[in-house]
Amino acid sequence: MKLGVFLAVYHDRSFEDALDQAVALGVDTVEIATGNYPGDDHCRPADLLADGRSLDAFQGALERRCLQISALSQHGNPLHPDPAIARATHDTWRATVQLAAALGVRVVNAFSGCPGDHDGAVRPNWVTCSWPPDYPDTLAWQWEQKVIPYWTAEAHFAADHGVTVGIEMHPGFVVYNPATLVRLRDACGPAIAANFDPSHLFWQGIDPAVAIRHLGEHAAIAHVDAKDTALAAGTIVLNGVLETRPAADTGDRAWAFRTIGFGHGHDVWGDMISALRLAGYDGAVCIEHEDRSLPADVGLDKAVKFLASLL
């Protein structure tokens, strides 16, 4: 396994400056955002595909620094009930797959998306309850009419370009845990796999090492994003883990994203690394920094040293 960093954390710096930061950290790979929620500050697929010189310069900047791309990432909602949002997300996704093929990158990371509750809806509807009956009926409609048809077609598109889709299991979207990830893979084919990010699993009460072993049995891990989560036990015992307060209200929330090692220790992360090895994963472990308590350079330096001691 190789250590990497998700360059979206350096969205306010030029592409070359961001790459220099990655080199200074001592990592081997980078994950690059190409649009939708992470933004496209460093990489606009349509522009690169339309201009061979720009594409060559993009590749050259990586080669001069001996950096590899672990994945291209465009996290949006291609199933959004607003057609304009869905179309824009879809177009970015498709261009990213085409760029990945041109660059020889094997993984494009994504969210599964979330539809509304009927064809006339204007906002997504994430179903988390099995009663009253409205909810399972809505969930069945979403999967049968929206999720499976869309991702069956897009899994074929990805496979035709030599790409695996790394779906990040993220609450708020239809794929948010191992069961829903495997359900999507079983329905749509082996081009669907996980971009495994434990930070969203910790607060759901999921043991990441157990999840890795389960996904490994399905050969369903395409990429790993490394991010930690701190759980506020005093808040959770009173109000549980569901959290709608803004991420900026770190001190009041039931959980918050933290630099690796500031949520869980060597034992937990060591179990994850061991489980990944046993599952046959030999790709990148790419650090994603979303800790509002530490500056990016400080948090990433600590995360690199922590993970390097395990890898």
Protein backbone atom coordinates (compact mmCIF):
# COMPACT_ATOMS: atom_id res chain seq x y z
CA MET A 1 0.00 0.00 0.00
CA LYS A 2 1.08 3.55 -0.74
CA LEU A 3 0.38 6.69 1.25
CA GLY A 4 -1.39 9.58 -0.44
CA VAL A 5 -3.22 12.85 0.14
CA PHE A 6 -6.47 14.22 -1.27
CA LEU A 7 -5.44 17.52 -2.87
CA ALA A 8 -8.85 19.15 -2.35
CA VAL A 9 -7.51 20.39 0.99
CA TYR A 10 -5.22 22.70 -1.03
CA HIS A 11 -8.01 24.09 -3.22
CA ASP A 12 -6.80 27.64 -2.52
CA ARG A 13 -3.34 26.95 -3.99
CA SER A 14 -2.25 26.35 -7.56
CA PHE A 15 -2.02 22.79 -8.83
CA GLU A 16 1.77 22.87 -8.83
CA ASP A 17 1.90 24.36 -5.33
CA ALA A 18 -0.48 21.66 -4.11
CA LEU A 19 1.74 18.99 -5.65
CA ASP A 20 4.78 20.53 -3.95
CA GLN A 21 2.95 20.28 -0.63
CA ALA A 22 2.29 16.60 -1.30
CA VAL A 23 5.98 16.04 -2.02
CA ALA A 24 6.95 17.89 1.17
CA LEU A 25 4.64 15.60 3.14
CA GLY A 26 6.49 12.58 1.75
CA VAL A 27 3.52 10.85 0.11
CA ASP A 28 3.59 8.76 -3.07
CA THR A 29 0.14 9.39 -4.53
CA VAL A 30 -2.51 12.09 -4.83
CA GLU A 31 -6.26 12.00 -5.23
CA ILE A 32 -7.46 14.87 -7.42
CA ALA A 33 -10.88 16.52 -7.38
CA THR A 34 -12.49 17.11 -10.76
CA GLY A 35 -15.72 18.90 -9.87
CA ASN A 36 -19.10 18.66 -8.14
CA TYR A 37 -18.80 18.94 -4.33
CA PRO A 38 -14.97 18.89 -4.09
CA GLY A 39 -14.67 21.60 -6.76
CA ASP A 40 -12.41 21.63 -9.81
CA ASP A 41 -9.71 24.09 -8.75
CA HIS A 42 -6.89 21.78 -9.86
CA CYS A 43 -8.48 19.78 -12.65
CA ARG A 44 -11.22 20.55 -15.16
CA PRO A 45 -11.72 17.36 -17.17
CA ALA A 46 -13.48 18.89 -20.16
CA ASP A 47 -10.72 21.48 -20.60
CA LEU A 48 -7.93 18.91 -20.37
CA LEU A 49 -9.65 16.54 -22.77
CA ALA A 50 -10.07 19.36 -25.30
CA ASP A 51 -6.46 20.55 -25.15
CA GLY A 52 -3.63 18.05 -25.60
CA ARG A 53 -0.96 20.53 -24.48
CA SER A 54 -2.76 21.21 -21.22
CA LEU A 55 -3.16 17.48 -20.64
CA ASP A 56 0.55 16.94 -21.28
CA ALA A 57 1.44 19.75 -18.87
CA PHE A 58 -0.87 18.26 -16.24
CA GLN A 59 0.80 14.86 -16.53
CA GLY A 60 4.24 16.42 -16.63
CA ALA A 61 3.68 18.25 -13.35
CA LEU A 62 3.00 14.90 -11.68
CA GLU A 63 5.84 13.04 -13.39
CA ARG A 64 8.46 15.63 -12.43
CA ARG A 65 7.54 15.05 -8.80
CA CYS A 66 7.30 11.26 -9.11
CA LEU A 67 3.68 11.36 -7.95
CA GLN A 68 0.95 9.00 -9.11
CA ILE A 69 -2.80 9.64 -9.17
CA SER A 70 -4.62 7.16 -6.92
CA ALA A 71 -8.07 8.33 -8.06
CA LEU A 72 -9.99 11.16 -9.62
CA SER A 73 -12.87 12.33 -7.44
CA GLN A 74 -16.13 14.03 -8.30
CA HIS A 75 -18.62 13.71 -5.46
CA GLY A 76 -22.07 14.87 -6.47
CA ASN A 77 -25.67 13.69 -6.63
CA PRO A 78 -26.37 12.33 -10.11
CA LEU A 79 -29.80 11.17 -8.93
CA HIS A 80 -30.90 14.61 -7.72
CA PRO A 81 -34.60 15.21 -8.51
CA ASP A 82 -33.75 18.63 -9.97
CA PRO A 83 -32.88 17.75 -13.59
CA ALA A 84 -30.41 20.62 -13.94
CA ILE A 85 -28.41 19.50 -10.90
CA ALA A 86 -28.53 15.86 -11.96
CA ARG A 87 -27.39 16.69 -15.50
CA ALA A 88 -24.50 18.90 -14.38
CA THR A 89 -23.35 16.21 -11.93
CA HIS A 90 -23.67 13.51 -14.58
CA ASP A 91 -21.72 15.51 -17.16
CA THR A 92 -18.85 16.02 -14.71
CA TRP A 93 -18.89 12.32 -13.84
CA ARG A 94 -18.71 11.25 -17.48
CA ALA A 95 -15.94 13.70 -18.34
CA THR A 96 -14.00 12.51 -15.30
CA VAL A 97 -14.24 8.87 -16.43
CA GLN A 98 -13.02 9.88 -19.89
CA LEU A 99 -10.12 11.83 -18.36
CA ALA A 100 -9.24 8.87 -16.12
CA ALA A 101 -9.03 6.67 -19.21
CA ALA A 102 -6.77 9.20 -20.93
CA LEU A 103 -4.49 9.37 -17.88
CA GLY A 104 -4.48 5.63 -17.16
CA VAL A 105 -6.18 6.16 -13.79
CA ARG A 106 -8.20 3.12 -12.76
CA VAL A 107 -10.56 4.59 -10.12
CA VAL A 108 -13.07 7.43 -10.17
CA ASN A 109 -14.62 8.18 -6.78
CA ALA A 110 -18.26 9.19 -6.42
CA PHE A 111 -21.32 9.30 -4.22
CA SER A 112 -24.21 7.00 -5.06
CA GLY A 113 -26.61 9.93 -5.00
CA CYS A 114 -30.12 10.15 -3.60
CA PRO A 115 -33.37 10.69 -5.53
CA GLY A 116 -36.52 12.38 -4.33
CA ASP A 117 -39.59 10.40 -3.32
CA HIS A 118 -41.44 10.67 -6.64
CA ASP A 119 -40.92 12.05 -10.13
CA GLY A 120 -42.22 15.48 -9.18
CA ALA A 121 -39.91 15.92 -6.19
CA VAL A 122 -37.54 18.89 -5.96
CA ARG A 123 -35.22 17.73 -3.15
CA PRO A 124 -33.57 14.41 -2.26
CA ASN A 125 -35.24 12.18 0.33
CA TRP A 126 -32.88 9.94 2.34
CA VAL A 127 -34.89 7.08 3.87
CA THR A 128 -33.64 5.77 7.24
CA CYS A 129 -36.78 4.20 8.76
CA SER A 130 -38.81 1.11 7.89
CA TRP A 131 -42.09 2.44 9.32
CA PRO A 132 -44.58 3.98 8.59
CA PRO A 133 -45.11 2.20 5.25
CA ASP A 134 -44.45 5.39 3.27
CA TYR A 135 -40.73 4.94 3.88
CA PRO A 136 -40.14 1.39 2.58
CA ASP A 137 -42.40 2.20 -0.37
CA THR A 138 -40.28 5.27 -1.14
CA LEU A 139 -37.06 3.30 -0.76
CA ALA A 140 -38.26 0.55 -3.12
CA TRP A 141 -39.26 3.17 -5.71
CA GLN A 142 -35.88 4.91 -5.43
CA TRP A 143 -33.85 1.76 -5.97
CA GLU A 144 -36.04 0.20 -8.65
CA GLN A 145 -36.82 3.31 -10.69
CA LYS A 146 -33.75 5.50 -10.18
CA VAL A 147 -30.71 3.96 -8.48
CA ILE A 148 -30.32 0.63 -10.26
CA PRO A 149 -31.14 1.87 -13.78
CA TYR A 150 -28.71 4.79 -13.51
CA TRP A 151 -25.79 2.91 -12.01
CA THR A 152 -26.23 -0.12 -14.25
CA ALA A 153 -25.68 2.12 -17.25
CA GLU A 154 -22.83 4.05 -15.61
CA ALA A 155 -21.08 0.89 -14.41
CA HIS A 156 -21.00 -0.25 -18.05
CA PHE A 157 -19.69 3.17 -19.12
CA ALA A 158 -16.95 3.03 -16.49
CA ALA A 159 -15.97 -0.55 -17.38
CA ASP A 160 -15.79 0.36 -21.06
CA HIS A 161 -13.17 2.97 -20.09
CA GLY A 162 -11.20 0.64 -17.82
CA VAL A 163 -12.45 2.41 -14.69
CA THR A 164 -13.85 1.16 -11.38
CA VAL A 165 -16.36 3.38 -9.57
CA GLY A 166 -15.29 4.01 -5.97
CA ILE A 167 -18.57 4.72 -4.18
CA GLU A 168 -18.06 6.49 -0.86
CA MET A 169 -20.49 5.15 1.75
CA HIS A 170 -21.92 8.45 2.97
CA PRO A 171 -25.11 9.07 4.98
CA GLY A 172 -27.53 11.23 3.06
CA PHE A 173 -27.15 9.04 -0.03
CA VAL A 174 -28.64 5.64 -0.82
CA VAL A 175 -25.28 3.90 -0.29
CA TYR A 176 -24.12 4.65 3.24
CA ASN A 177 -22.95 1.32 4.73
CA PRO A 178 -21.54 -2.04 3.55
CA ALA A 179 -24.99 -3.59 3.02
CA THR A 180 -26.12 -0.85 0.63
CA LEU A 181 -22.74 -0.85 -1.14
CA VAL A 182 -22.95 -4.59 -1.76
CA ARG A 183 -26.58 -4.22 -2.84
CA LEU A 184 -25.55 -1.70 -5.51
CA ARG A 185 -22.62 -3.86 -6.66
CA ASP A 186 -24.77 -6.98 -6.87
CA ALA A 187 -27.39 -5.13 -8.91
CA CYS A 188 -25.09 -3.18 -11.23
CA GLY A 189 -21.92 -5.25 -11.60
CA PRO A 190 -18.27 -5.47 -10.50
CA ALA A 191 -17.34 -2.02 -11.81
CA ILE A 192 -19.03 -0.78 -8.60
CA ALA A 193 -16.84 -0.93 -5.50
CA ALA A 194 -16.10 1.12 -2.39
CA ASN A 195 -14.02 4.20 -1.85
CA PHE A 196 -13.59 3.17 1.77
CA ASP A 197 -13.73 6.15 4.15
CA PRO A 198 -14.08 5.04 7.79
CA SER A 199 -14.99 8.51 9.07
CA HIS A 200 -18.63 8.08 8.00
CA LEU A 201 -18.79 4.60 9.50
CA PHE A 202 -17.43 5.40 12.95
CA TRP A 203 -20.38 7.55 13.99
CA GLN A 204 -22.90 5.02 12.65
CA GLY A 205 -21.50 2.45 15.11
CA ILE A 206 -19.82 0.40 12.37
CA ASP A 207 -16.45 -1.23 13.06
CA PRO A 208 -14.33 -0.33 10.00
CA ALA A 209 -12.17 -3.46 10.22
CA VAL A 210 -15.28 -5.68 10.23
CA ALA A 211 -16.65 -3.67 7.29
CA ILE A 212 -13.39 -4.13 5.38
CA ARG A 213 -13.46 -7.88 5.91
CA HIS A 214 -17.06 -8.03 4.67
CA LEU A 215 -16.35 -5.91 1.60
CA GLY A 216 -13.19 -7.90 0.96
CA GLU A 217 -15.29 -11.05 0.67
CA HIS A 218 -17.06 -9.33 -2.22
CA ALA A 219 -13.81 -7.96 -3.74
CA ALA A 220 -15.45 -4.59 -3.36
CA ILE A 221 -12.72 -2.15 -2.24
CA ALA A 222 -11.34 0.09 -4.99
CA HIS A 223 -9.75 2.93 -3.00
CA VAL A 224 -9.26 4.10 0.59
CA ASP A 225 -9.72 7.62 1.97
CA ALA A 226 -8.26 7.94 5.46
CA LYS A 227 -10.13 10.31 7.77
CA ASP A 228 -10.86 10.04 11.48
CA THR A 229 -13.93 10.92 13.55
CA ALA A 230 -14.09 11.88 17.22
CA LEU A 231 -17.24 10.80 19.05
CA ALA A 232 -18.62 13.00 21.85
CA ALA A 233 -19.84 10.36 24.30
CA GLY A 234 -21.60 12.85 26.57
CA THR A 235 -23.66 14.19 23.69
CA ILE A 236 -24.36 10.78 22.17
CA VAL A 237 -25.75 9.23 25.37
CA LEU A 238 -28.26 12.08 25.54
CA ASN A 239 -29.28 12.66 21.93
CA GLY A 240 -27.74 9.89 19.82
CA VAL A 241 -25.54 10.10 16.74
CA LEU A 242 -27.80 11.75 14.15
CA GLU A 243 -26.47 15.25 13.74
CA THR A 244 -27.83 18.26 11.86
CA ARG A 245 -25.80 21.02 13.48
CA PRO A 246 -23.26 22.70 11.15
CA ALA A 247 -19.82 21.10 10.92
CA ALA A 248 -18.38 24.37 12.23
CA ASP A 249 -20.10 23.76 15.60
CA THR A 250 -17.49 21.15 16.46
CA GLY A 251 -17.79 21.49 20.22
CA ASP A 252 -21.57 20.95 20.26
CA ARG A 253 -21.90 18.05 17.85
CA ALA A 254 -22.19 14.34 18.64
CA TRP A 255 -19.22 13.73 16.34
CA ALA A 256 -16.69 15.67 14.30
CA PHE A 257 -14.08 14.84 11.69
CA ARG A 258 -10.55 14.85 13.09
CA THR A 259 -6.99 14.31 12.00
CA ILE A 260 -6.06 10.63 12.00
CA GLY A 261 -5.14 9.53 15.50
CA PHE A 262 -7.22 12.26 17.17
CA GLY A 263 -10.41 10.20 17.02
CA HIS A 264 -9.10 6.64 17.27
CA GLY A 265 -5.71 5.23 18.17
CA HIS A 266 -3.13 2.89 16.71
CA ASP A 267 -5.12 -0.19 17.68
CA VAL A 268 -8.16 0.79 15.60
CA TRP A 269 -6.19 2.06 12.61
CA GLY A 270 -3.81 -0.89 12.85
CA ASP A 271 -6.76 -3.28 12.67
CA MET A 272 -7.98 -1.47 9.56
CA ILE A 273 -4.60 -1.67 7.82
CA SER A 274 -4.32 -5.36 8.69
CA ALA A 275 -7.85 -6.02 7.42
CA LEU A 276 -7.04 -4.22 4.16
CA ARG A 277 -3.93 -6.35 3.66
CA LEU A 278 -5.85 -9.56 4.36
CA ALA A 279 -8.54 -8.43 1.91
CA GLY A 280 -5.86 -8.18 -0.77
CA TYR A 281 -5.96 -4.40 -1.05
CA ASP A 282 -2.66 -2.96 -2.24
CA GLY A 283 -3.75 0.48 -3.46
CA ALA A 284 -3.41 3.90 -1.90
CA VAL A 285 -4.42 5.01 1.57
CA CYS A 286 -5.21 8.63 0.80
CA ILE A 287 -5.45 11.12 3.68
CA GLU A 288 -8.43 13.47 3.57
CA HIS A 289 -8.14 16.45 5.92
CA GLU A 290 -11.42 17.95 7.20
CA ASP A 291 -10.37 18.67 10.79
CA ARG A 292 -11.55 22.17 11.70
CA SER A 293 -9.41 22.10 14.85
CA LEU A 294 -6.03 21.92 13.09
CA PRO A 295 -4.50 23.80 10.12
CA ALA A 296 -4.18 21.58 7.07
CA ASP A 297 -0.39 21.44 7.02
CA VAL A 298 -0.24 20.54 10.71
CA GLY A 299 -3.00 17.95 10.53
CA LEU A 300 -1.63 16.31 7.40
CA ASP A 301 1.89 16.11 8.81
CA LYS A 302 0.56 14.36 11.90
CA ALA A 303 -1.61 12.03 9.81
CA VAL A 304 1.28 11.07 7.51
CA LYS A 305 3.55 10.22 10.45
CA PHE A 306 0.77 8.26 12.16
CA LEU A 307 -0.10 6.15 9.10
CA ALA A 308 3.50 5.72 7.98
CA SER A 309 4.21 3.96 11.26
CA LEU A 310 1.47 1.43 10.41
CA LEU A 311 2.12 0.97 6.69
